[in-house]
Amino acid sequence: MVKDNLYQPFEVVLREPLSACPRSEHSHSFFEFIYIISGTGKQCINKSKFTYKPGHLFLLTPDDSHYFEILTETQFLFIRFNPLYIKDRDLSNETAEHLNFLLKNAGQAPGCILKTDEDKAVVKPIMQAIISEKEKKGLYSRALLQQYINTVIVIAARNVAMSMPDEVSEATEEKTLDILQYIQANIYFPEKLKAKVIADKAGISENYLSQYFKKHTGESMQQYIINYKLKLIENRLLHSNMRMVEIANELGFNDESHLNRIFKKYRHMNPSDFRKAGGELHTLV
């Protein structure tokens, strides 16, 4: 698979409208925002398909693979930046690391990254300003582009943070963030989520792991794993055409009925009913 690299802190690319995707599946070593200016279709991210329309904003993380299935002529705006770009901003090291962590885990909540209409309304004029500055290349255009991109990064991080435990903040210990990142990166591999394996990775005793995790996140590690899987299931139900058996296999459930039981226990409805209702009727844990 082709892997793209970025040889500058950031770049903005505005494509001419396309009626077909010019590239096959590929991955990146950098972050990439993809803003849909016009058109409809599906973006295929890590083997899952998600519909897109004007105003949608996607965030690809390093090593995500993707391609597009264009249904109607589409114009894309690409904003690319590498992890060092975040550290080079005027932020404390702690805040920069937290932003970096949040953005790296955005791929675990696929689909349009903007979860509220308010943020969609804020992002639209910012994207229009980015396009304007890129096209006119006026005095201080690059500095202005950087400020606009910084704003989009913070908005994206806020939306990713909505799915994180409430206790996780810029002040959270680095070890806790490492554990959360490890769980999210290995959520599809049950063997790697055993307490002993995680304790060894974190460098703490297995007996102390549960107490440590709950102290710093406000919930048990097992409950966090369940909640995280439920969030992934919700995203796939709402933003993909995956069948229940495919979701069950992907997330390590014994079978479809096992997934159904867990989902109904915590969301008080069947996954199929959740999908039909568009997610509006579920009850959060």
C-alpha atoms as a PDB file:
ATOM      1  CA  MET A   1       0.000   0.000   0.000  1.00  0.00           C
ATOM      2  CA  VAL A   2       1.264   3.472  -0.871  1.00  0.00           C
ATOM      3  CA  LYS A   3       2.126   5.668   2.128  1.00  0.00           C
ATOM      4  CA  ASP A   4       2.281   9.461   1.804  1.00  0.00           C
ATOM      5  CA  ASN A   5       4.699  11.677   3.725  1.00  0.00           C
ATOM      6  CA  LEU A   6       4.633  15.393   4.508  1.00  0.00           C
ATOM      7  CA  TYR A   7       7.852  17.391   4.164  1.00  0.00           C
ATOM      8  CA  GLN A   8       6.699  20.641   5.770  1.00  0.00           C
ATOM      9  CA  PRO A   9       4.833  21.517   9.000  1.00  0.00           C
ATOM     10  CA  PHE A  10       1.500  21.928   7.189  1.00  0.00           C
ATOM     11  CA  GLU A  11      -0.015  22.298   3.752  1.00  0.00           C
ATOM     12  CA  VAL A  12      -3.405  23.150   2.288  1.00  0.00           C
ATOM     13  CA  VAL A  13      -4.578  21.491  -0.937  1.00  0.00           C
ATOM     14  CA  LEU A  14      -7.775  22.490  -2.750  1.00  0.00           C
ATOM     15  CA  ARG A  15      -8.765  19.961  -5.412  1.00  0.00           C
ATOM     16  CA  GLU A  16     -10.754  20.670  -8.539  1.00  0.00           C
ATOM     17  CA  PRO A  17     -14.160  18.924  -8.460  1.00  0.00           C
ATOM     18  CA  LEU A  18     -13.757  15.186  -9.079  1.00  0.00           C
ATOM     19  CA  SER A  19     -16.214  12.668 -10.496  1.00  0.00           C
ATOM     20  CA  ALA A  20     -14.026   9.655  -9.658  1.00  0.00           C
ATOM     21  CA  CYS A  21     -11.399   8.970  -7.008  1.00  0.00           C
ATOM     22  CA  PRO A  22      -7.957   9.271  -8.639  1.00  0.00           C
ATOM     23  CA  ARG A  23      -6.213   7.124  -6.020  1.00  0.00           C
ATOM     24  CA  SER A  24      -6.587   3.634  -4.619  1.00  0.00           C
ATOM     25  CA  GLU A  25      -6.366   2.857  -0.909  1.00  0.00           C
ATOM     26  CA  HIS A  26      -3.383   4.563   0.745  1.00  0.00           C
ATOM     27  CA  SER A  27      -2.168   5.760   4.141  1.00  0.00           C
ATOM     28  CA  HIS A  28      -0.301   8.746   5.611  1.00  0.00           C
ATOM     29  CA  SER A  29       2.417   9.457   8.144  1.00  0.00           C
ATOM     30  CA  PHE A  30       0.643  12.712   9.095  1.00  0.00           C
ATOM     31  CA  PHE A  31      -2.740  14.081  10.164  1.00  0.00           C
ATOM     32  CA  GLU A  32      -5.161  15.107   7.440  1.00  0.00           C
ATOM     33  CA  PHE A  33      -8.419  17.037   7.641  1.00  0.00           C
ATOM     34  CA  ILE A  34     -10.723  16.399   4.689  1.00  0.00           C
ATOM     35  CA  TYR A  35     -13.486  18.977   4.294  1.00  0.00           C
ATOM     36  CA  ILE A  36     -16.318  18.335   1.847  1.00  0.00           C
ATOM     37  CA  ILE A  37     -17.053  21.525  -0.076  1.00  0.00           C
ATOM     38  CA  SER A  38     -19.567  19.941  -2.445  1.00  0.00           C
ATOM     39  CA  GLY A  39     -20.738  16.527  -3.574  1.00  0.00           C
ATOM     40  CA  THR A  40     -21.741  13.232  -2.000  1.00  0.00           C
ATOM     41  CA  GLY A  41     -20.278   9.769  -1.673  1.00  0.00           C
ATOM     42  CA  LYS A  42     -18.527   7.486   0.775  1.00  0.00           C
ATOM     43  CA  GLN A  43     -15.135   7.597   2.398  1.00  0.00           C
ATOM     44  CA  CYS A  44     -13.620   4.195   3.137  1.00  0.00           C
ATOM     45  CA  ILE A  45     -11.465   4.383   6.269  1.00  0.00           C
ATOM     46  CA  ASN A  46      -9.710   1.283   7.569  1.00  0.00           C
ATOM     47  CA  LYS A  47     -12.104  -0.984   5.639  1.00  0.00           C
ATOM     48  CA  SER A  48     -15.267   0.762   6.934  1.00  0.00           C
ATOM     49  CA  LYS A  49     -17.430   3.007   4.729  1.00  0.00           C
ATOM     50  CA  PHE A  50     -18.923   6.331   5.843  1.00  0.00           C
ATOM     51  CA  THR A  51     -21.185   8.605   3.841  1.00  0.00           C
ATOM     52  CA  TYR A  52     -20.196  12.213   3.226  1.00  0.00           C
ATOM     53  CA  LYS A  53     -21.961  15.388   2.121  1.00  0.00           C
ATOM     54  CA  PRO A  54     -21.168  19.132   2.047  1.00  0.00           C
ATOM     55  CA  GLY A  55     -19.967  20.450   5.401  1.00  0.00           C
ATOM     56  CA  HIS A  56     -18.626  17.128   6.654  1.00  0.00           C
ATOM     57  CA  LEU A  57     -15.142  17.155   8.161  1.00  0.00           C
ATOM     58  CA  PHE A  58     -13.075  13.993   8.482  1.00  0.00           C
ATOM     59  CA  LEU A  59      -9.818  13.591  10.385  1.00  0.00           C
ATOM     60  CA  LEU A  60      -7.369  10.911   9.321  1.00  0.00           C
ATOM     61  CA  THR A  61      -4.635   9.986  11.766  1.00  0.00           C
ATOM     62  CA  PRO A  62      -1.143   8.689  10.987  1.00  0.00           C
ATOM     63  CA  ASP A  63      -1.322   5.201   9.443  1.00  0.00           C
ATOM     64  CA  ASP A  64      -5.074   5.309   8.729  1.00  0.00           C
ATOM     65  CA  SER A  65      -5.805   3.920   5.268  1.00  0.00           C
ATOM     66  CA  HIS A  66      -8.539   5.390   3.076  1.00  0.00           C
ATOM     67  CA  TYR A  67     -10.001   6.049  -0.344  1.00  0.00           C
ATOM     68  CA  PHE A  68     -13.215   7.563  -1.723  1.00  0.00           C
ATOM     69  CA  GLU A  69     -16.257   6.258  -3.563  1.00  0.00           C
ATOM     70  CA  ILE A  70     -17.589   9.388  -5.264  1.00  0.00           C
ATOM     71  CA  LEU A  71     -21.323   9.351  -6.048  1.00  0.00           C
ATOM     72  CA  THR A  72     -21.771  12.940  -7.255  1.00  0.00           C
ATOM     73  CA  GLU A  73     -19.016  15.318  -8.371  1.00  0.00           C
ATOM     74  CA  THR A  74     -17.096  16.280  -5.243  1.00  0.00           C
ATOM     75  CA  GLN A  75     -14.685  19.038  -4.284  1.00  0.00           C
ATOM     76  CA  PHE A  76     -12.336  18.314  -1.390  1.00  0.00           C
ATOM     77  CA  LEU A  77     -10.241  20.610   0.773  1.00  0.00           C
ATOM     78  CA  PHE A  78      -7.263  18.846   2.382  1.00  0.00           C
ATOM     79  CA  ILE A  79      -5.416  20.293   5.385  1.00  0.00           C
ATOM     80  CA  ARG A  80      -2.333  18.299   6.343  1.00  0.00           C
ATOM     81  CA  PHE A  81      -0.047  18.683   9.348  1.00  0.00           C
ATOM     82  CA  ASN A  82       2.395  16.505  11.229  1.00  0.00           C
ATOM     83  CA  PRO A  83       2.688  15.822  14.993  1.00  0.00           C
ATOM     84  CA  LEU A  84       5.586  18.272  15.293  1.00  0.00           C
ATOM     85  CA  TYR A  85       3.303  21.046  14.061  1.00  0.00           C
ATOM     86  CA  ILE A  86       1.266  20.767  17.270  1.00  0.00           C
ATOM     87  CA  LYS A  87       4.393  20.923  19.444  1.00  0.00           C
ATOM     88  CA  ASP A  88       5.620  23.986  17.547  1.00  0.00           C
ATOM     89  CA  ARG A  89       2.482  25.938  18.434  1.00  0.00           C
ATOM     90  CA  ASP A  90       2.449  28.421  21.316  1.00  0.00           C
ATOM     91  CA  LEU A  91       1.190  25.882  23.843  1.00  0.00           C
ATOM     92  CA  SER A  92       2.555  24.324  26.989  1.00  0.00           C
ATOM     93  CA  ASN A  93       4.175  20.941  26.391  1.00  0.00           C
ATOM     94  CA  GLU A  94       1.464  19.292  28.479  1.00  0.00           C
ATOM     95  CA  THR A  95      -1.387  20.799  26.453  1.00  0.00           C
ATOM     96  CA  ALA A  96       0.360  20.003  23.173  1.00  0.00           C
ATOM     97  CA  GLU A  97       0.790  16.377  24.230  1.00  0.00           C
ATOM     98  CA  HIS A  98      -2.869  16.158  25.182  1.00  0.00           C
ATOM     99  CA  LEU A  99      -3.972  17.588  21.827  1.00  0.00           C
ATOM    100  CA  ASN A 100      -1.659  15.150  20.093  1.00  0.00           C
ATOM    101  CA  PHE A 101      -3.177  12.263  22.051  1.00  0.00           C
ATOM    102  CA  LEU A 102      -6.743  13.322  21.291  1.00  0.00           C
ATOM    103  CA  LEU A 103      -6.093  13.740  17.584  1.00  0.00           C
ATOM    104  CA  LYS A 104      -4.269  10.430  17.300  1.00  0.00           C
ATOM    105  CA  ASN A 105      -7.322   8.687  18.698  1.00  0.00           C
ATOM    106  CA  ALA A 106      -9.827  10.469  16.475  1.00  0.00           C
ATOM    107  CA  GLY A 107      -9.780   7.526  14.095  1.00  0.00           C
ATOM    108  CA  GLN A 108     -11.558   5.445  16.720  1.00  0.00           C
ATOM    109  CA  ALA A 109     -14.684   7.613  16.281  1.00  0.00           C
ATOM    110  CA  PRO A 110     -15.163   7.495  12.504  1.00  0.00           C
ATOM    111  CA  GLY A 111     -17.517   9.495  10.361  1.00  0.00           C
ATOM    112  CA  CYS A 112     -17.831  13.268  10.363  1.00  0.00           C
ATOM    113  CA  ILE A 113     -15.755  14.454  13.307  1.00  0.00           C
ATOM    114  CA  LEU A 114     -18.027  17.429  14.033  1.00  0.00           C
ATOM    115  CA  LYS A 115     -20.625  16.151  16.482  1.00  0.00           C
ATOM    116  CA  THR A 116     -22.654  19.344  16.983  1.00  0.00           C
ATOM    117  CA  ASP A 117     -24.430  21.703  14.606  1.00  0.00           C
ATOM    118  CA  GLU A 118     -22.816  24.600  16.454  1.00  0.00           C
ATOM    119  CA  ASP A 119     -19.308  23.421  15.578  1.00  0.00           C
ATOM    120  CA  LYS A 120     -20.320  22.753  11.969  1.00  0.00           C
ATOM    121  CA  ALA A 121     -21.531  26.351  11.750  1.00  0.00           C
ATOM    122  CA  VAL A 122     -18.241  27.612  13.206  1.00  0.00           C
ATOM    123  CA  VAL A 123     -16.034  25.528  10.913  1.00  0.00           C
ATOM    124  CA  LYS A 124     -17.734  26.471   7.625  1.00  0.00           C
ATOM    125  CA  PRO A 125     -16.587  30.139   7.504  1.00  0.00           C
ATOM    126  CA  ILE A 126     -13.127  29.113   8.716  1.00  0.00           C
ATOM    127  CA  MET A 127     -12.801  26.756   5.752  1.00  0.00           C
ATOM    128  CA  GLN A 128     -14.010  29.501   3.419  1.00  0.00           C
ATOM    129  CA  ALA A 129     -11.355  31.828   4.874  1.00  0.00           C
ATOM    130  CA  ILE A 130      -8.678  29.154   4.390  1.00  0.00           C
ATOM    131  CA  ILE A 131      -9.655  28.765   0.729  1.00  0.00           C
ATOM    132  CA  SER A 132      -9.632  32.543   0.242  1.00  0.00           C
ATOM    133  CA  GLU A 133      -6.184  32.995   1.805  1.00  0.00           C
ATOM    134  CA  LYS A 134      -4.743  30.094  -0.157  1.00  0.00           C
ATOM    135  CA  GLU A 135      -5.998  31.445  -3.469  1.00  0.00           C
ATOM    136  CA  LYS A 136      -4.962  35.087  -3.061  1.00  0.00           C
ATOM    137  CA  LYS A 137      -1.576  34.423  -1.398  1.00  0.00           C
ATOM    138  CA  GLY A 138      -1.550  37.895   0.113  1.00  0.00           C
ATOM    139  CA  LEU A 139       0.582  39.522   2.788  1.00  0.00           C
ATOM    140  CA  TYR A 140       0.786  37.314   5.911  1.00  0.00           C
ATOM    141  CA  SER A 141      -1.378  34.672   4.204  1.00  0.00           C
ATOM    142  CA  ARG A 142       0.665  31.784   5.590  1.00  0.00           C
ATOM    143  CA  ALA A 143       0.496  33.185   9.113  1.00  0.00           C
ATOM    144  CA  LEU A 144      -3.273  33.580   8.802  1.00  0.00           C
ATOM    145  CA  LEU A 145      -3.608  30.059   7.399  1.00  0.00           C
ATOM    146  CA  GLN A 146      -1.746  28.749  10.419  1.00  0.00           C
ATOM    147  CA  GLN A 147      -4.106  30.537  12.810  1.00  0.00           C
ATOM    148  CA  TYR A 148      -7.160  29.179  10.999  1.00  0.00           C
ATOM    149  CA  ILE A 149      -5.726  25.655  11.074  1.00  0.00           C
ATOM    150  CA  ASN A 150      -4.953  25.995  14.785  1.00  0.00           C
ATOM    151  CA  THR A 151      -8.605  26.844  15.406  1.00  0.00           C
ATOM    152  CA  VAL A 152      -9.809  23.819  13.438  1.00  0.00           C
ATOM    153  CA  ILE A 153      -7.403  21.566  15.372  1.00  0.00           C
ATOM    154  CA  VAL A 154      -8.774  22.757  18.717  1.00  0.00           C
ATOM    155  CA  ILE A 155     -12.387  22.319  17.558  1.00  0.00           C
ATOM    156  CA  ALA A 156     -11.561  18.810  16.350  1.00  0.00           C
ATOM    157  CA  ALA A 157      -9.859  17.949  19.639  1.00  0.00           C
ATOM    158  CA  ARG A 158     -12.919  19.178  21.546  1.00  0.00           C
ATOM    159  CA  ASN A 159     -15.166  16.874  19.536  1.00  0.00           C
ATOM    160  CA  VAL A 160     -12.853  13.898  20.074  1.00  0.00           C
ATOM    161  CA  ALA A 161     -12.720  14.683  23.791  1.00  0.00           C
ATOM    162  CA  MET A 162     -16.504  14.287  24.009  1.00  0.00           C
ATOM    163  CA  SER A 163     -16.047  10.511  23.846  1.00  0.00           C
ATOM    164  CA  MET A 164     -13.261  10.433  26.451  1.00  0.00           C
ATOM    165  CA  PRO A 165     -13.793   9.880  30.204  1.00  0.00           C
ATOM    166  CA  ASP A 166     -14.729  13.144  31.942  1.00  0.00           C
ATOM    167  CA  GLU A 167     -11.733  12.938  34.269  1.00  0.00           C
ATOM    168  CA  VAL A 168      -9.212  12.919  31.411  1.00  0.00           C
ATOM    169  CA  SER A 169      -7.782  16.410  30.947  1.00  0.00           C
ATOM    170  CA  GLU A 170      -4.519  18.222  30.263  1.00  0.00           C
ATOM    171  CA  ALA A 171      -3.538  17.449  33.865  1.00  0.00           C
ATOM    172  CA  THR A 172      -3.950  13.690  33.477  1.00  0.00           C
ATOM    173  CA  GLU A 173      -0.784  11.714  34.126  1.00  0.00           C
ATOM    174  CA  GLU A 174       1.121  10.631  31.029  1.00  0.00           C
ATOM    175  CA  LYS A 175       0.962   6.984  32.147  1.00  0.00           C
ATOM    176  CA  THR A 176      -2.845   7.146  32.211  1.00  0.00           C
ATOM    177  CA  LEU A 177      -2.922   8.615  28.713  1.00  0.00           C
ATOM    178  CA  ASP A 178      -0.552   5.863  27.578  1.00  0.00           C
ATOM    179  CA  ILE A 179      -2.903   3.207  28.971  1.00  0.00           C
ATOM    180  CA  LEU A 180      -5.928   4.797  27.290  1.00  0.00           C
ATOM    181  CA  GLN A 181      -4.070   5.055  24.006  1.00  0.00           C
ATOM    182  CA  TYR A 182      -2.946   1.421  24.271  1.00  0.00           C
ATOM    183  CA  ILE A 183      -6.533   0.260  24.906  1.00  0.00           C
ATOM    184  CA  GLN A 184      -7.868   2.254  21.968  1.00  0.00           C
ATOM    185  CA  ALA A 185      -5.109   1.063  19.642  1.00  0.00           C
ATOM    186  CA  ASN A 186      -5.769  -2.577  20.584  1.00  0.00           C
ATOM    187  CA  ILE A 187      -9.542  -2.511  21.031  1.00  0.00           C
ATOM    188  CA  TYR A 188      -9.903  -5.076  18.218  1.00  0.00           C
ATOM    189  CA  PHE A 189      -7.571  -7.582  19.923  1.00  0.00           C
ATOM    190  CA  PRO A 190      -9.090  -9.070  23.125  1.00  0.00           C
ATOM    191  CA  GLU A 191      -5.884 -10.915  24.030  1.00  0.00           C
ATOM    192  CA  LYS A 192      -4.042  -7.586  24.259  1.00  0.00           C
ATOM    193  CA  LEU A 193      -6.676  -6.122  26.592  1.00  0.00           C
ATOM    194  CA  LYS A 194      -6.108  -8.565  29.438  1.00  0.00           C
ATOM    195  CA  ALA A 195      -5.150  -6.896  32.716  1.00  0.00           C
ATOM    196  CA  LYS A 196      -1.770  -8.641  32.913  1.00  0.00           C
ATOM    197  CA  VAL A 197      -0.790  -7.535  29.405  1.00  0.00           C
ATOM    198  CA  ILE A 198      -1.813  -3.921  30.044  1.00  0.00           C
ATOM    199  CA  ALA A 199      -0.088  -3.878  33.439  1.00  0.00           C
ATOM    200  CA  ASP A 200       3.144  -5.129  31.871  1.00  0.00           C
ATOM    201  CA  LYS A 201       2.928  -2.463  29.167  1.00  0.00           C
ATOM    202  CA  ALA A 202       2.290   0.266  31.754  1.00  0.00           C
ATOM    203  CA  GLY A 203       5.020  -0.940  34.091  1.00  0.00           C
ATOM    204  CA  ILE A 204       2.756  -1.349  37.131  1.00  0.00           C
ATOM    205  CA  SER A 205       1.570  -4.416  39.016  1.00  0.00           C
ATOM    206  CA  GLU A 206      -1.515  -6.252  37.827  1.00  0.00           C
ATOM    207  CA  ASN A 207      -3.059  -6.012  41.302  1.00  0.00           C
ATOM    208  CA  TYR A 208      -2.669  -2.210  41.362  1.00  0.00           C
ATOM    209  CA  LEU A 209      -3.788  -1.598  37.762  1.00  0.00           C
ATOM    210  CA  SER A 210      -7.537  -1.547  38.427  1.00  0.00           C
ATOM    211  CA  GLN A 211      -7.208   0.834  41.384  1.00  0.00           C
ATOM    212  CA  TYR A 212      -4.835   3.121  39.456  1.00  0.00           C
ATOM    213  CA  PHE A 213      -7.070   3.260  36.387  1.00  0.00           C
ATOM    214  CA  LYS A 214     -10.235   4.061  38.336  1.00  0.00           C
ATOM    215  CA  LYS A 215      -8.457   6.741  40.372  1.00  0.00           C
ATOM    216  CA  HIS A 216      -7.363   8.600  37.242  1.00  0.00           C
ATOM    217  CA  THR A 217     -10.372   8.073  34.951  1.00  0.00           C
ATOM    218  CA  GLY A 218     -13.334   7.718  37.289  1.00  0.00           C
ATOM    219  CA  GLU A 219     -14.376   4.290  35.994  1.00  0.00           C
ATOM    220  CA  SER A 220     -13.048   0.755  36.032  1.00  0.00           C
ATOM    221  CA  MET A 221     -10.859  -0.366  33.160  1.00  0.00           C
ATOM    222  CA  GLN A 222     -13.332  -3.076  32.156  1.00  0.00           C
ATOM    223  CA  GLN A 223     -16.174  -0.549  32.093  1.00  0.00           C
ATOM    224  CA  TYR A 224     -14.060   1.813  30.006  1.00  0.00           C
ATOM    225  CA  ILE A 225     -13.381  -0.957  27.479  1.00  0.00           C
ATOM    226  CA  ILE A 226     -17.104  -1.786  27.290  1.00  0.00           C
ATOM    227  CA  ASN A 227     -18.070   1.880  26.918  1.00  0.00           C
ATOM    228  CA  TYR A 228     -15.438   2.370  24.259  1.00  0.00           C
ATOM    229  CA  LYS A 229     -16.651  -0.629  22.279  1.00  0.00           C
ATOM    230  CA  LEU A 230     -20.228   0.616  22.584  1.00  0.00           C
ATOM    231  CA  LYS A 231     -19.165   3.985  21.175  1.00  0.00           C
ATOM    232  CA  LEU A 232     -17.491   2.227  18.239  1.00  0.00           C
ATOM    233  CA  ILE A 233     -20.609   0.130  17.651  1.00  0.00           C
ATOM    234  CA  GLU A 234     -22.758   3.277  17.665  1.00  0.00           C
ATOM    235  CA  ASN A 235     -20.507   4.950  15.125  1.00  0.00           C
ATOM    236  CA  ARG A 236     -20.606   1.953  12.829  1.00  0.00           C
ATOM    237  CA  LEU A 237     -24.384   1.668  13.117  1.00  0.00           C
ATOM    238  CA  LEU A 238     -24.874   5.350  12.325  1.00  0.00           C
ATOM    239  CA  HIS A 239     -22.116   5.994   9.807  1.00  0.00           C
ATOM    240  CA  SER A 240     -21.459   2.736   7.961  1.00  0.00           C
ATOM    241  CA  ASN A 241     -23.266  -0.048   6.136  1.00  0.00           C
ATOM    242  CA  MET A 242     -21.559  -2.801   8.142  1.00  0.00           C
ATOM    243  CA  ARG A 243     -23.708  -5.786   9.112  1.00  0.00           C
ATOM    244  CA  MET A 244     -24.050  -6.758  12.764  1.00  0.00           C
ATOM    245  CA  VAL A 245     -22.048  -9.945  12.291  1.00  0.00           C
ATOM    246  CA  GLU A 246     -19.211  -7.893  10.766  1.00  0.00           C
ATOM    247  CA  ILE A 247     -19.209  -5.463  13.694  1.00  0.00           C
ATOM    248  CA  ALA A 248     -19.250  -8.368  16.167  1.00  0.00           C
ATOM    249  CA  ASN A 249     -16.273 -10.026  14.482  1.00  0.00           C
ATOM    250  CA  GLU A 250     -14.347  -6.761  14.248  1.00  0.00           C
ATOM    251  CA  LEU A 251     -14.720  -5.929  17.949  1.00  0.00           C
ATOM    252  CA  GLY A 252     -14.030  -9.403  19.315  1.00  0.00           C
ATOM    253  CA  PHE A 253     -17.523 -10.464  20.431  1.00  0.00           C
ATOM    254  CA  ASN A 254     -18.236 -14.200  20.499  1.00  0.00           C
ATOM    255  CA  ASP A 255     -21.013 -13.775  17.958  1.00  0.00           C
ATOM    256  CA  GLU A 256     -23.807 -11.413  16.905  1.00  0.00           C
ATOM    257  CA  SER A 257     -26.079 -12.439  19.786  1.00  0.00           C
ATOM    258  CA  HIS A 258     -23.327 -11.635  22.301  1.00  0.00           C
ATOM    259  CA  LEU A 259     -23.024  -8.129  20.856  1.00  0.00           C
ATOM    260  CA  ASN A 260     -26.814  -7.715  20.915  1.00  0.00           C
ATOM    261  CA  ARG A 261     -26.984  -8.662  24.612  1.00  0.00           C
ATOM    262  CA  ILE A 262     -24.240  -6.233  25.639  1.00  0.00           C
ATOM    263  CA  PHE A 263     -25.668  -3.402  23.556  1.00  0.00           C
ATOM    264  CA  LYS A 264     -29.207  -3.888  24.876  1.00  0.00           C
ATOM    265  CA  LYS A 265     -27.961  -4.093  28.485  1.00  0.00           C
ATOM    266  CA  TYR A 266     -26.345  -0.650  28.308  1.00  0.00           C
ATOM    267  CA  ARG A 267     -28.358   1.132  25.621  1.00  0.00           C
ATOM    268  CA  HIS A 268     -31.750  -0.389  26.441  1.00  0.00           C
ATOM    269  CA  MET A 269     -32.559  -1.180  22.804  1.00  0.00           C
ATOM    270  CA  ASN A 270     -31.417  -3.545  20.076  1.00  0.00           C
ATOM    271  CA  PRO A 271     -28.654  -2.360  17.727  1.00  0.00           C
ATOM    272  CA  SER A 272     -31.027  -2.618  14.759  1.00  0.00           C
ATOM    273  CA  ASP A 273     -33.540  -0.321  16.490  1.00  0.00           C
ATOM    274  CA  PHE A 274     -30.733   2.110  17.348  1.00  0.00           C
ATOM    275  CA  ARG A 275     -29.703   2.244  13.686  1.00  0.00           C
ATOM    276  CA  LYS A 276     -33.291   2.820  12.525  1.00  0.00           C
ATOM    277  CA  ALA A 277     -33.783   5.594  15.096  1.00  0.00           C
ATOM    278  CA  GLY A 278     -30.591   7.334  14.025  1.00  0.00           C
ATOM    279  CA  GLY A 279     -29.193   7.079  17.540  1.00  0.00           C
ATOM    280  CA  GLU A 280     -31.739   9.472  19.017  1.00  0.00           C
ATOM    281  CA  LEU A 281     -33.299   7.086  21.515  1.00  0.00           C
ATOM    282  CA  HIS A 282     -30.270   5.551  23.196  1.00  0.00           C
ATOM    283  CA  THR A 283     -29.500   6.074  26.865  1.00  0.00           C
ATOM    284  CA  LEU A 284     -25.901   6.772  27.810  1.00  0.00           C
ATOM    285  CA  VAL A 285     -24.207   4.693  30.463  1.00  0.00           C
END
